[in-house]
């Protein structure tokens, strides 16, 4: 059986983030499995990596971003995920859109 997973919205979001933030942005790829191919994990979403203080104009903005980041990490407790940069994520999404 051949199976492909292509999420055009996810692909567009990654492309936009690559343009806006560059390939080195740290992200957390979130994986899912599907009954059709239970032995293969597909990236179905991603979170930005840990905020860096120098990326924010005020301490309040940084603290808000850090709170959101820590809250997002809580959602990963039951999920498979991997830290990587945005370029690596883009390559994975491109590959998983191809037929296996």
Protein backbone atom coordinates (compact mmCIF):
# COMPACT_ATOMS: atom_id res chain seq x y z
CA UNK A 1 0.00 0.00 0.00
CA UNK A 2 1.26 3.46 -0.84
CA UNK A 3 0.41 6.34 1.45
CA UNK A 4 1.21 10.02 1.44
CA UNK A 5 0.58 12.77 3.93
CA UNK A 6 0.51 16.29 2.61
CA UNK A 7 -0.89 19.19 4.59
CA UNK A 8 -0.89 22.26 2.37
CA UNK A 9 -1.68 24.59 5.28
CA UNK A 10 1.26 23.22 7.27
CA UNK A 11 3.54 23.47 4.23
CA UNK A 12 2.47 27.08 3.65
CA UNK A 13 3.02 27.96 7.31
CA UNK A 14 6.53 26.50 7.28
CA UNK A 15 7.34 28.32 4.02
CA UNK A 16 6.12 31.62 5.48
CA UNK A 17 8.12 31.11 8.69
CA UNK A 18 11.23 30.24 6.64
CA UNK A 19 10.86 33.50 4.73
CA UNK A 20 10.16 35.56 7.83
CA UNK A 21 12.52 33.99 10.40
CA UNK A 22 15.09 32.01 8.42
CA UNK A 23 16.13 28.36 8.45
CA UNK A 24 17.76 28.34 11.89
CA UNK A 25 14.61 29.04 13.90
CA UNK A 26 14.28 26.33 16.54
CA UNK A 27 11.01 24.40 16.41
CA UNK A 28 9.45 21.30 17.91
CA UNK A 29 7.95 18.96 15.31
CA UNK A 30 4.87 17.06 16.50
CA UNK A 31 4.31 13.60 15.04
CA UNK A 32 1.14 11.60 14.49
CA UNK A 33 0.43 8.12 13.19
CA UNK A 34 -2.44 6.98 11.00
CA UNK A 35 -4.20 3.60 10.97
CA UNK A 36 -3.35 3.11 7.29
CA UNK A 37 0.39 3.11 8.07
CA UNK A 38 0.82 2.52 11.80
CA UNK A 39 4.60 2.05 11.56
CA UNK A 40 5.30 5.50 10.10
CA UNK A 41 5.13 8.80 11.98
CA UNK A 42 4.21 11.97 10.12
CA UNK A 43 4.79 15.57 11.21
CA UNK A 44 1.34 17.10 11.55
CA UNK A 45 2.14 20.28 13.48
CA UNK A 46 4.95 22.19 15.11
CA UNK A 47 5.67 24.62 17.89
CA UNK A 48 8.33 27.26 18.06
CA UNK A 49 11.28 26.47 20.27
CA UNK A 50 12.09 28.17 23.55
CA UNK A 51 11.86 31.97 23.36
CA UNK A 52 15.09 33.94 23.63
CA UNK A 53 15.17 37.11 25.71
CA UNK A 54 16.93 39.12 23.00
CA UNK A 55 14.03 38.56 20.60
CA UNK A 56 11.66 40.69 22.71
CA UNK A 57 11.48 44.41 23.33
CA UNK A 58 10.27 44.14 26.91
CA UNK A 59 10.53 41.77 29.83
CA UNK A 60 6.73 41.48 29.88
CA UNK A 61 6.62 40.30 26.24
CA UNK A 62 9.35 37.77 26.97
CA UNK A 63 7.56 36.46 30.07
CA UNK A 64 4.29 36.11 28.13
CA UNK A 65 6.08 34.20 25.37
CA UNK A 66 7.80 31.97 27.93
CA UNK A 67 4.48 31.25 29.67
CA UNK A 68 2.92 30.30 26.32
CA UNK A 69 5.92 28.12 25.49
CA UNK A 70 5.75 26.26 28.81
CA UNK A 71 2.01 25.79 28.39
CA UNK A 72 2.59 24.39 24.90
CA UNK A 73 5.13 21.92 26.26
CA UNK A 74 2.42 20.48 28.50
CA UNK A 75 0.51 19.41 25.37
CA UNK A 76 3.47 17.27 24.30
CA UNK A 77 3.42 14.91 27.27
CA UNK A 78 1.41 12.27 25.39
CA UNK A 79 2.87 12.98 21.94
CA UNK A 80 5.93 12.05 19.96
CA UNK A 81 8.01 15.11 19.11
CA UNK A 82 11.48 16.16 18.06
CA UNK A 83 13.41 19.41 18.35
CA UNK A 84 14.96 20.66 15.12
CA UNK A 85 15.43 23.80 13.08
CA UNK A 86 12.91 25.12 10.58
CA UNK A 87 14.99 24.01 7.60
CA UNK A 88 15.00 20.39 8.81
CA UNK A 89 11.25 20.59 9.37
CA UNK A 90 10.72 21.86 5.84
CA UNK A 91 12.70 18.95 4.40
CA UNK A 92 10.68 16.42 6.43
CA UNK A 93 7.38 17.92 5.30
CA UNK A 94 8.58 17.86 1.71
CA UNK A 95 9.59 14.18 1.97
CA UNK A 96 6.41 13.05 3.67
CA UNK A 97 4.32 14.55 0.86
CA UNK A 98 5.92 12.03 -1.49
CA UNK A 99 4.45 8.58 -1.93
CA UNK A 100 5.98 5.89 0.27
